């Protein structure tokens, strides 16, 4: 009986060691992947650098149509949600970048129907075309937005050249 107990302890010990080695390997791999991305976590959902801007159509708060075909030249496209602390922190940087950039600026404010977003829309309208849409709206689906704030920098040929959730791209020129 003692031999069986000793064998069981050895087997459990070996399995624990194998599990530990696998976990160390997974953690090292995740750390390596996190440092390889230029614009944030490589594990986030959404459009990736190098992808083409998707087809979309929307109406701004000023009643102007906005489509992928009307976006010519470089563009800065941001998605914000009211009551989101990171969005509030990013908003002044987005406005400053849009004001000083030669790129077109678009802002999508994601709000539940009836939610008061007038103040945020007015601040953004000074520098960008603003679209307000409900959660999981057409623009969010087209741009594969999963979290807020999300910022995309699109170059002149419609390719994503910057994207992230923490908006590091806004502090770069």
N, C-alpha and C. Protein backbone atom coordinates (compact mmCIF):
# COMPACT_ATOMS: atom_id res chain seq x y z
N UNK A 1 0.81 -1.19 0.00
CA UNK A 1 0.00 0.00 0.00
C UNK A 1 0.87 1.27 0.00
N UNK A 2 1.95 1.24 0.72
CA UNK A 2 2.84 2.39 0.80
C UNK A 2 3.48 2.69 -0.55
N UNK A 3 3.74 1.61 -1.33
CA UNK A 3 4.33 1.80 -2.65
C UNK A 3 3.37 2.55 -3.57
N UNK A 4 2.09 2.22 -3.46
CA UNK A 4 1.06 2.88 -4.27
C UNK A 4 0.95 4.35 -3.90
N UNK A 5 0.97 4.65 -2.62
CA UNK A 5 0.89 6.04 -2.16
C UNK A 5 2.12 6.83 -2.62
N UNK A 6 3.28 6.24 -2.54
CA UNK A 6 4.51 6.90 -2.99
C UNK A 6 4.45 7.14 -4.50
N UNK A 7 3.97 6.17 -5.25
CA UNK A 7 3.85 6.32 -6.70
C UNK A 7 2.87 7.44 -7.05
N UNK A 8 1.76 7.52 -6.32
CA UNK A 8 0.76 8.57 -6.57
C UNK A 8 1.36 9.95 -6.29
N UNK A 9 2.14 10.07 -5.21
CA UNK A 9 2.77 11.34 -4.88
C UNK A 9 3.77 11.73 -5.97
N UNK A 10 4.53 10.79 -6.48
CA UNK A 10 5.50 11.06 -7.54
C UNK A 10 4.78 11.51 -8.81
N UNK A 11 3.69 10.84 -9.16
CA UNK A 11 2.94 11.21 -10.36
C UNK A 11 2.36 12.61 -10.22
N UNK A 12 1.76 12.93 -9.08
CA UNK A 12 1.21 14.26 -8.85
C UNK A 12 2.32 15.31 -8.91
N UNK A 13 3.45 15.01 -8.35
CA UNK A 13 4.59 15.93 -8.39
C UNK A 13 5.07 16.18 -9.81
N UNK A 14 5.16 15.12 -10.61
CA UNK A 14 5.58 15.28 -12.01
C UNK A 14 4.57 16.08 -12.82
N UNK A 15 3.28 15.82 -12.61
CA UNK A 15 2.24 16.59 -13.30
C UNK A 15 2.29 18.06 -12.90
N UNK A 16 2.52 18.33 -11.63
CA UNK A 16 2.62 19.72 -11.16
C UNK A 16 3.81 20.42 -11.78
N UNK A 17 4.93 19.72 -11.90
CA UNK A 17 6.12 20.30 -12.52
C UNK A 17 5.87 20.60 -14.00
N UNK A 18 5.23 19.67 -14.70
CA UNK A 18 4.91 19.89 -16.12
C UNK A 18 3.98 21.08 -16.27
N UNK A 19 2.99 21.19 -15.41
CA UNK A 19 2.05 22.32 -15.44
C UNK A 19 2.79 23.63 -15.20
N UNK A 20 3.68 23.65 -14.25
CA UNK A 20 4.45 24.86 -13.95
C UNK A 20 5.30 25.28 -15.16
N UNK A 21 5.96 24.33 -15.80
CA UNK A 21 6.78 24.64 -16.97
C UNK A 21 5.92 25.18 -18.11
N UNK A 22 4.77 24.60 -18.35
CA UNK A 22 3.88 25.10 -19.39
C UNK A 22 3.40 26.52 -19.08
N UNK A 23 3.06 26.78 -17.85
CA UNK A 23 2.59 28.12 -17.46
C UNK A 23 3.69 29.16 -17.64
N UNK A 24 4.91 28.82 -17.28
CA UNK A 24 6.03 29.75 -17.47
C UNK A 24 6.20 30.04 -18.96
N UNK A 25 6.10 29.02 -19.80
CA UNK A 25 6.21 29.22 -21.24
C UNK A 25 5.10 30.11 -21.79
N UNK A 26 3.88 29.91 -21.35
CA UNK A 26 2.74 30.73 -21.80
C UNK A 26 2.92 32.18 -21.36
N UNK A 27 3.32 32.39 -20.14
CA UNK A 27 3.51 33.76 -19.63
C UNK A 27 4.62 34.46 -20.40
N UNK A 28 5.72 33.78 -20.66
CA UNK A 28 6.81 34.39 -21.44
C UNK A 28 6.34 34.76 -22.84
N UNK A 29 5.55 33.89 -23.45
CA UNK A 29 5.04 34.16 -24.81
C UNK A 29 4.10 35.36 -24.81
N UNK A 30 3.21 35.45 -23.82
CA UNK A 30 2.29 36.59 -23.74
C UNK A 30 3.04 37.90 -23.52
N UNK A 31 4.05 37.89 -22.68
CA UNK A 31 4.85 39.10 -22.46
C UNK A 31 5.57 39.52 -23.74
N UNK A 32 6.09 38.57 -24.48
CA UNK A 32 6.78 38.87 -25.73
C UNK A 32 5.80 39.48 -26.74
N UNK A 33 4.61 38.92 -26.85
CA UNK A 33 3.62 39.43 -27.77
C UNK A 33 3.19 40.85 -27.40
N UNK A 34 3.06 41.13 -26.11
CA UNK A 34 2.63 42.45 -25.67
C UNK A 34 3.65 43.53 -25.99
N UNK A 35 4.93 43.19 -26.03
CA UNK A 35 5.96 44.19 -26.32
C UNK A 35 6.18 44.37 -27.81
N UNK A 36 5.64 43.51 -28.65
CA UNK A 36 5.87 43.60 -30.08
C UNK A 36 4.95 44.59 -30.77
N UNK A 37 3.84 44.97 -30.16
CA UNK A 37 2.88 45.83 -30.83
C UNK A 37 3.27 47.29 -30.69
N UNK A 38 3.20 48.03 -31.78
CA UNK A 38 3.54 49.44 -31.79
C UNK A 38 2.41 50.31 -31.24
N UNK A 39 1.17 49.87 -31.38
CA UNK A 39 0.03 50.69 -31.03
C UNK A 39 -0.88 50.07 -29.99
N UNK A 40 -0.37 49.24 -29.13
CA UNK A 40 -1.22 48.67 -28.09
C UNK A 40 -1.20 47.16 -28.14
N UNK A 41 -2.09 46.58 -27.41
CA UNK A 41 -2.14 45.14 -27.27
C UNK A 41 -2.46 44.45 -28.59
N UNK A 42 -1.68 43.44 -28.97
CA UNK A 42 -1.97 42.73 -30.20
C UNK A 42 -3.19 41.82 -30.06
N UNK A 43 -3.71 41.67 -28.85
CA UNK A 43 -4.80 40.75 -28.62
C UNK A 43 -6.16 41.45 -28.68
N UNK A 44 -6.16 42.77 -28.89
CA UNK A 44 -7.44 43.47 -28.95
C UNK A 44 -8.16 43.16 -30.26
N UNK A 45 -9.46 43.21 -30.20
CA UNK A 45 -10.24 43.03 -31.41
C UNK A 45 -10.26 44.35 -32.16
N UNK A 46 -10.60 44.30 -33.41
CA UNK A 46 -10.70 45.51 -34.21
C UNK A 46 -9.83 45.42 -35.43
N UNK A 47 -9.87 46.48 -36.22
CA UNK A 47 -9.02 46.53 -37.41
C UNK A 47 -7.56 46.58 -36.98
N UNK A 48 -6.72 45.97 -37.76
CA UNK A 48 -5.30 45.95 -37.45
C UNK A 48 -4.55 46.88 -38.40
N UNK A 49 -3.37 47.29 -37.99
CA UNK A 49 -2.52 48.10 -38.84
C UNK A 49 -2.28 47.33 -40.14
N UNK A 50 -2.46 48.03 -41.25
CA UNK A 50 -2.29 47.41 -42.56
C UNK A 50 -3.60 47.01 -43.23
N UNK A 51 -4.68 46.92 -42.46
CA UNK A 51 -5.97 46.59 -43.06
C UNK A 51 -6.57 47.82 -43.72
N UNK A 52 -7.46 47.58 -44.67
CA UNK A 52 -8.14 48.67 -45.37
C UNK A 52 -9.33 49.14 -44.54
N UNK A 53 -9.64 50.44 -44.67
CA UNK A 53 -10.81 51.00 -44.02
C UNK A 53 -12.05 50.28 -44.58
N UNK A 54 -12.97 49.89 -43.72
CA UNK A 54 -14.15 49.15 -44.20
C UNK A 54 -15.15 50.07 -44.88
N UNK A 55 -16.07 49.46 -45.60
CA UNK A 55 -17.16 50.22 -46.18
C UNK A 55 -18.12 50.59 -45.05
N UNK A 56 -18.61 51.82 -45.08
CA UNK A 56 -19.58 52.26 -44.08
C UNK A 56 -20.39 53.42 -44.63
N UNK A 57 -21.51 53.66 -44.00
CA UNK A 57 -22.36 54.81 -44.34
C UNK A 57 -23.06 55.23 -43.06
N UNK A 58 -23.07 56.54 -42.81
CA UNK A 58 -23.71 57.06 -41.61
C UNK A 58 -24.15 58.49 -41.87
N UNK A 59 -24.87 59.05 -40.92
CA UNK A 59 -25.33 60.43 -41.00
C UNK A 59 -24.78 61.17 -39.77
N UNK A 60 -24.17 62.33 -40.01
CA UNK A 60 -23.62 63.10 -38.89
C UNK A 60 -24.74 63.81 -38.15
N UNK A 61 -24.39 64.38 -37.02
CA UNK A 61 -25.37 65.14 -36.23
C UNK A 61 -25.79 66.41 -36.96
N UNK A 62 -24.99 66.84 -37.94
CA UNK A 62 -25.33 68.02 -38.74
C UNK A 62 -26.15 67.64 -39.98
N UNK A 63 -26.46 66.35 -40.12
CA UNK A 63 -27.27 65.90 -41.25
C UNK A 63 -26.48 65.61 -42.51
N UNK A 64 -25.15 65.54 -42.42
CA UNK A 64 -24.31 65.24 -43.58
C UNK A 64 -24.11 63.72 -43.69
N UNK A 65 -24.17 63.21 -44.91
CA UNK A 65 -23.84 61.79 -45.06
C UNK A 65 -22.33 61.59 -44.99
N UNK A 66 -21.91 60.50 -44.41
CA UNK A 66 -20.50 60.15 -44.33
C UNK A 66 -20.39 58.70 -44.78
N UNK A 67 -19.54 58.46 -45.77
CA UNK A 67 -19.30 57.10 -46.23
C UNK A 67 -17.81 56.90 -46.41
N UNK A 68 -17.42 55.66 -46.57
CA UNK A 68 -16.00 55.37 -46.81
C UNK A 68 -15.52 56.03 -48.09
N UNK A 69 -16.42 56.22 -49.05
CA UNK A 69 -16.04 56.85 -50.32
C UNK A 69 -15.78 58.35 -50.17
N UNK A 70 -16.43 58.97 -49.18
CA UNK A 70 -16.26 60.41 -48.97
C UNK A 70 -15.04 60.75 -48.12
N UNK A 71 -14.46 59.75 -47.50
CA UNK A 71 -13.27 59.98 -46.69
C UNK A 71 -12.06 59.93 -47.61
N UNK A 72 -11.57 61.11 -47.96
CA UNK A 72 -10.40 61.17 -48.84
C UNK A 72 -9.23 61.74 -48.04
N UNK A 73 -8.08 61.23 -48.31
CA UNK A 73 -6.90 61.69 -47.60
C UNK A 73 -6.81 61.07 -46.23
N UNK A 74 -5.82 61.49 -45.46
CA UNK A 74 -5.66 60.94 -44.12
C UNK A 74 -6.86 61.27 -43.25
N UNK A 75 -7.17 60.35 -42.33
CA UNK A 75 -8.31 60.56 -41.44
C UNK A 75 -8.00 60.03 -40.04
N UNK A 76 -8.59 60.68 -39.09
CA UNK A 76 -8.51 60.28 -37.69
C UNK A 76 -9.94 59.93 -37.28
N UNK A 77 -10.18 58.68 -36.88
CA UNK A 77 -11.53 58.23 -36.54
C UNK A 77 -11.50 57.69 -35.12
N UNK A 78 -12.37 58.26 -34.27
CA UNK A 78 -12.38 57.85 -32.86
C UNK A 78 -13.79 57.47 -32.42
N UNK A 79 -13.86 56.50 -31.52
CA UNK A 79 -15.11 56.04 -30.94
C UNK A 79 -15.07 56.31 -29.45
N UNK A 80 -16.08 57.03 -28.96
CA UNK A 80 -16.18 57.39 -27.55
C UNK A 80 -17.50 56.91 -26.98
N UNK A 81 -17.52 56.73 -25.67
CA UNK A 81 -18.75 56.36 -24.99
C UNK A 81 -18.91 57.26 -23.76
N UNK A 82 -20.12 57.82 -23.53
CA UNK A 82 -20.31 58.67 -22.36
C UNK A 82 -20.16 57.86 -21.07
N UNK A 83 -19.65 58.51 -20.05
CA UNK A 83 -19.47 57.84 -18.77
C UNK A 83 -18.27 56.93 -18.72
N UNK A 84 -17.43 56.99 -19.73
CA UNK A 84 -16.24 56.15 -19.82
C UNK A 84 -15.04 57.00 -19.38
N UNK A 85 -14.44 56.73 -18.21
CA UNK A 85 -13.31 57.55 -17.75
C UNK A 85 -12.15 57.62 -18.74
N UNK A 86 -11.73 56.53 -19.38
CA UNK A 86 -10.65 56.67 -20.36
C UNK A 86 -11.05 57.55 -21.55
N UNK A 87 -12.34 57.54 -21.90
CA UNK A 87 -12.81 58.40 -23.00
C UNK A 87 -12.69 59.86 -22.60
N UNK A 88 -13.07 60.18 -21.37
CA UNK A 88 -12.97 61.55 -20.88
C UNK A 88 -11.53 62.01 -20.83
N UNK A 89 -10.63 61.11 -20.49
CA UNK A 89 -9.21 61.44 -20.44
C UNK A 89 -8.65 61.67 -21.84
N UNK A 90 -9.11 60.90 -22.81
CA UNK A 90 -8.62 60.99 -24.17
C UNK A 90 -9.21 62.18 -24.94
N UNK A 91 -10.42 62.56 -24.63
CA UNK A 91 -11.13 63.58 -25.41
C UNK A 91 -10.31 64.85 -25.66
N UNK A 92 -9.69 65.47 -24.66
CA UNK A 92 -8.90 66.68 -24.94
C UNK A 92 -7.73 66.43 -25.89
N UNK A 93 -7.09 65.27 -25.78
CA UNK A 93 -5.98 64.95 -26.69
C UNK A 93 -6.49 64.74 -28.11
N UNK A 94 -7.63 64.10 -28.25
CA UNK A 94 -8.22 63.90 -29.58
C UNK A 94 -8.56 65.25 -30.19
N UNK A 95 -9.17 66.13 -29.42
CA UNK A 95 -9.54 67.46 -29.93
C UNK A 95 -8.29 68.24 -30.34
N UNK A 96 -7.26 68.21 -29.51
CA UNK A 96 -6.01 68.91 -29.83
C UNK A 96 -5.37 68.35 -31.09
N UNK A 97 -5.34 67.03 -31.20
CA UNK A 97 -4.74 66.41 -32.40
C UNK A 97 -5.55 66.75 -33.64
N UNK A 98 -6.88 66.69 -33.54
CA UNK A 98 -7.74 66.99 -34.70
C UNK A 98 -7.58 68.45 -35.11
N UNK A 99 -7.41 69.33 -34.13
CA UNK A 99 -7.26 70.77 -34.41
C UNK A 99 -5.96 71.07 -35.16
N UNK A 100 -4.89 70.37 -34.84
CA UNK A 100 -3.59 70.67 -35.41
C UNK A 100 -3.23 69.78 -36.60
N UNK A 101 -4.02 68.78 -36.85
CA UNK A 101 -3.73 67.84 -37.93
C UNK A 101 -4.37 68.27 -39.24
N UNK A 102 -3.74 67.89 -40.32
CA UNK A 102 -4.33 68.15 -41.63
C UNK A 102 -5.30 67.03 -42.03
N UNK A 103 -5.39 66.02 -41.19
CA UNK A 103 -6.29 64.89 -41.45
C UNK A 103 -7.74 65.28 -41.20
N UNK A 104 -8.65 64.61 -41.90
CA UNK A 104 -10.07 64.73 -41.58
C UNK A 104 -10.28 64.05 -40.23
N UNK A 105 -11.20 64.57 -39.45
CA UNK A 105 -11.48 63.96 -38.14
C UNK A 105 -12.94 63.56 -38.06
N UNK A 106 -13.16 62.35 -37.56
CA UNK A 106 -14.50 61.82 -37.36
C UNK A 106 -14.58 61.29 -35.94
N UNK A 107 -15.70 61.54 -35.29
CA UNK A 107 -15.91 61.02 -33.94
C UNK A 107 -17.26 60.32 -33.91
N UNK A 108 -17.27 59.14 -33.33
CA UNK A 108 -18.49 58.38 -33.16
C UNK A 108 -18.77 58.32 -31.67
N UNK A 109 -19.91 58.88 -31.26
CA UNK A 109 -20.30 58.84 -29.86
C UNK A 109 -21.33 57.72 -29.72
N UNK A 110 -20.99 56.74 -28.93
CA UNK A 110 -21.84 55.56 -28.76
C UNK A 110 -22.66 55.75 -27.49
N UNK A 111 -23.97 55.86 -27.67
CA UNK A 111 -24.85 56.13 -26.52
C UNK A 111 -26.17 55.39 -26.69
N UNK A 112 -26.76 55.06 -25.56
CA UNK A 112 -28.10 54.46 -25.57
C UNK A 112 -29.10 55.51 -26.04
N UNK A 113 -30.17 55.10 -26.70
CA UNK A 113 -31.19 56.06 -27.12
C UNK A 113 -31.71 56.85 -25.91
N UNK A 114 -31.80 58.15 -26.07
CA UNK A 114 -32.27 59.01 -24.98
C UNK A 114 -31.18 59.48 -24.03
N UNK A 115 -29.99 58.93 -24.15
CA UNK A 115 -28.89 59.35 -23.28
C UNK A 115 -28.41 60.73 -23.71
N UNK A 116 -28.15 61.60 -22.73
CA UNK A 116 -27.75 62.97 -23.03
C UNK A 116 -26.26 63.03 -23.38
N UNK A 117 -25.98 63.30 -24.64
CA UNK A 117 -24.60 63.40 -25.11
C UNK A 117 -24.34 64.76 -25.75
N UNK A 118 -25.23 65.71 -25.53
CA UNK A 118 -25.15 67.01 -26.21
C UNK A 118 -23.83 67.72 -25.93
N UNK A 119 -23.37 67.72 -24.70
CA UNK A 119 -22.13 68.42 -24.36
C UNK A 119 -20.93 67.81 -25.10
N UNK A 120 -20.85 66.48 -25.09
CA UNK A 120 -19.74 65.81 -25.76
C UNK A 120 -19.80 66.05 -27.27
N UNK A 121 -21.00 65.99 -27.83
CA UNK A 121 -21.16 66.22 -29.28
C UNK A 121 -20.72 67.63 -29.64
N UNK A 122 -21.11 68.62 -28.84
CA UNK A 122 -20.73 70.01 -29.13
C UNK A 122 -19.22 70.19 -29.07
N UNK A 123 -18.57 69.59 -28.10
CA UNK A 123 -17.10 69.70 -28.00
C UNK A 123 -16.43 69.08 -29.23
N UNK A 124 -16.96 67.95 -29.67
CA UNK A 124 -16.36 67.26 -30.80
C UNK A 124 -16.66 67.94 -32.13
N UNK A 125 -17.84 68.55 -32.24
CA UNK A 125 -18.23 69.20 -33.51
C UNK A 125 -17.31 70.34 -33.89
N UNK A 126 -16.59 70.91 -32.93
CA UNK A 126 -15.65 71.98 -33.22
C UNK A 126 -14.52 71.50 -34.13
N UNK A 127 -14.18 70.21 -34.06
CA UNK A 127 -13.01 69.72 -34.79
C UNK A 127 -13.29 68.49 -35.66
N UNK A 128 -14.48 67.92 -35.55
CA UNK A 128 -14.73 66.66 -36.26
C UNK A 128 -16.17 66.56 -36.71
N UNK A 129 -16.39 65.71 -37.69
CA UNK A 129 -17.76 65.32 -38.04
C UNK A 129 -18.17 64.28 -37.01
N UNK A 130 -19.35 64.46 -36.43
CA UNK A 130 -19.76 63.61 -35.32
C UNK A 130 -20.96 62.77 -35.71
N UNK A 131 -20.88 61.50 -35.39
CA UNK A 131 -21.99 60.56 -35.57
C UNK A 131 -22.35 60.02 -34.19
N UNK A 132 -23.64 59.99 -33.89
CA UNK A 132 -24.10 59.37 -32.65
C UNK A 132 -24.84 58.11 -33.04
N UNK A 133 -24.46 56.99 -32.42
CA UNK A 133 -25.16 55.74 -32.71
C UNK A 133 -25.29 54.90 -31.45
N UNK A 134 -26.26 54.01 -31.50
CA UNK A 134 -26.53 53.11 -30.36
C UNK A 134 -25.42 52.07 -30.26
N UNK A 135 -25.27 51.47 -29.09
CA UNK A 135 -24.27 50.39 -28.95
C UNK A 135 -24.50 49.31 -30.01
N UNK A 136 -23.41 48.75 -30.47
CA UNK A 136 -23.38 47.76 -31.55
C UNK A 136 -23.98 48.30 -32.85
N UNK A 137 -23.78 49.60 -33.10
CA UNK A 137 -24.28 50.22 -34.33
C UNK A 137 -23.45 49.82 -35.54
N UNK A 138 -23.88 50.32 -36.69
CA UNK A 138 -23.24 49.96 -37.97
C UNK A 138 -21.76 50.32 -38.03
N UNK A 139 -21.41 51.53 -37.58
CA UNK A 139 -20.00 51.93 -37.63
C UNK A 139 -19.13 51.07 -36.71
N UNK A 140 -19.66 50.77 -35.53
CA UNK A 140 -18.89 49.94 -34.60
C UNK A 140 -18.67 48.55 -35.18
N UNK A 141 -19.68 48.01 -35.83
CA UNK A 141 -19.52 46.69 -36.45
C UNK A 141 -18.54 46.77 -37.62
N UNK A 142 -18.64 47.81 -38.44
CA UNK A 142 -17.75 47.94 -39.59
C UNK A 142 -16.29 48.05 -39.16
N UNK A 143 -16.03 48.83 -38.10
CA UNK A 143 -14.67 49.03 -37.62
C UNK A 143 -14.26 48.02 -36.55
N UNK A 144 -15.15 47.07 -36.24
CA UNK A 144 -14.88 45.99 -35.28
C UNK A 144 -14.52 46.52 -33.90
N UNK A 145 -15.21 47.57 -33.47
CA UNK A 145 -14.92 48.20 -32.17
C UNK A 145 -15.47 47.32 -31.05
N UNK A 146 -14.61 47.02 -30.08
CA UNK A 146 -15.00 46.20 -28.93
C UNK A 146 -14.88 46.94 -27.61
N UNK A 147 -14.19 48.09 -27.59
CA UNK A 147 -13.98 48.83 -26.36
C UNK A 147 -13.81 50.30 -26.65
N UNK A 148 -13.89 51.11 -25.60
CA UNK A 148 -13.82 52.56 -25.76
C UNK A 148 -12.76 53.12 -24.83
N UNK A 149 -12.06 54.13 -25.27
CA UNK A 149 -12.06 54.73 -26.60
C UNK A 149 -11.27 53.86 -27.58
N UNK A 150 -11.63 53.94 -28.83
CA UNK A 150 -10.88 53.28 -29.91
C UNK A 150 -10.57 54.35 -30.94
N UNK A 151 -9.32 54.37 -31.38
CA UNK A 151 -8.88 55.38 -32.34
C UNK A 151 -8.24 54.67 -33.54
N UNK A 152 -8.59 55.13 -34.72
CA UNK A 152 -7.97 54.63 -35.95
C UNK A 152 -7.36 55.81 -36.69
N UNK A 153 -6.15 55.63 -37.18
CA UNK A 153 -5.51 56.61 -38.05
C UNK A 153 -5.45 55.95 -39.43
N UNK A 154 -6.09 56.60 -40.39
CA UNK A 154 -6.20 56.07 -41.75
C UNK A 154 -5.33 56.93 -42.67
N UNK A 155 -4.52 56.31 -43.53
CA UNK A 155 -3.70 57.11 -44.43
C UNK A 155 -4.47 57.46 -45.70
N UNK A 156 -3.81 58.14 -46.63
CA UNK A 156 -4.46 58.67 -47.83
C UNK A 156 -5.07 57.59 -48.72
N UNK A 157 -4.54 56.39 -48.70
CA UNK A 157 -5.11 55.34 -49.56
C UNK A 157 -6.11 54.45 -48.82
N UNK A 158 -6.50 54.84 -47.61
CA UNK A 158 -7.52 54.09 -46.88
C UNK A 158 -7.01 52.94 -46.04
N UNK A 159 -5.72 52.91 -45.77
CA UNK A 159 -5.13 51.84 -44.97
C UNK A 159 -4.98 52.31 -43.53
N UNK A 160 -5.28 51.41 -42.59
CA UNK A 160 -5.09 51.71 -41.17
C UNK A 160 -3.59 51.75 -40.88
N UNK A 161 -3.11 52.88 -40.38
CA UNK A 161 -1.69 53.01 -40.05
C UNK A 161 -1.48 53.13 -38.55
N UNK A 162 -2.55 53.25 -37.80
CA UNK A 162 -2.44 53.29 -36.35
C UNK A 162 -3.77 52.96 -35.73
N UNK A 163 -3.72 52.20 -34.64
CA UNK A 163 -4.94 51.85 -33.93
C UNK A 163 -4.60 51.40 -32.53
N UNK A 164 -5.46 51.72 -31.61
CA UNK A 164 -5.27 51.22 -30.25
C UNK A 164 -6.44 51.59 -29.37
N UNK A 165 -6.47 51.01 -28.22
CA UNK A 165 -7.50 51.36 -27.25
C UNK A 165 -7.00 52.41 -26.26
N UNK A 166 -5.70 52.53 -26.09
CA UNK A 166 -5.20 53.51 -25.12
C UNK A 166 -4.80 54.81 -25.77
N UNK A 167 -5.02 54.93 -27.07
CA UNK A 167 -4.84 56.17 -27.82
C UNK A 167 -3.42 56.71 -27.79
N UNK A 168 -2.42 55.86 -27.69
CA UNK A 168 -1.03 56.29 -27.76
C UNK A 168 -0.76 57.00 -29.09
N UNK A 169 -1.49 56.59 -30.13
CA UNK A 169 -1.28 57.16 -31.44
C UNK A 169 -1.58 58.67 -31.45
N UNK A 170 -2.36 59.17 -30.51
CA UNK A 170 -2.67 60.59 -30.47
C UNK A 170 -1.51 61.45 -30.01
N UNK A 171 -0.58 60.86 -29.31
CA UNK A 171 0.54 61.67 -28.86
C UNK A 171 1.70 61.62 -29.85
N UNK A 172 1.57 60.80 -30.89
CA UNK A 172 2.59 60.73 -31.92
C UNK A 172 2.18 61.63 -33.08
N UNK A 173 3.13 62.13 -33.80
CA UNK A 173 2.81 63.00 -34.95
C UNK A 173 2.64 62.19 -36.20
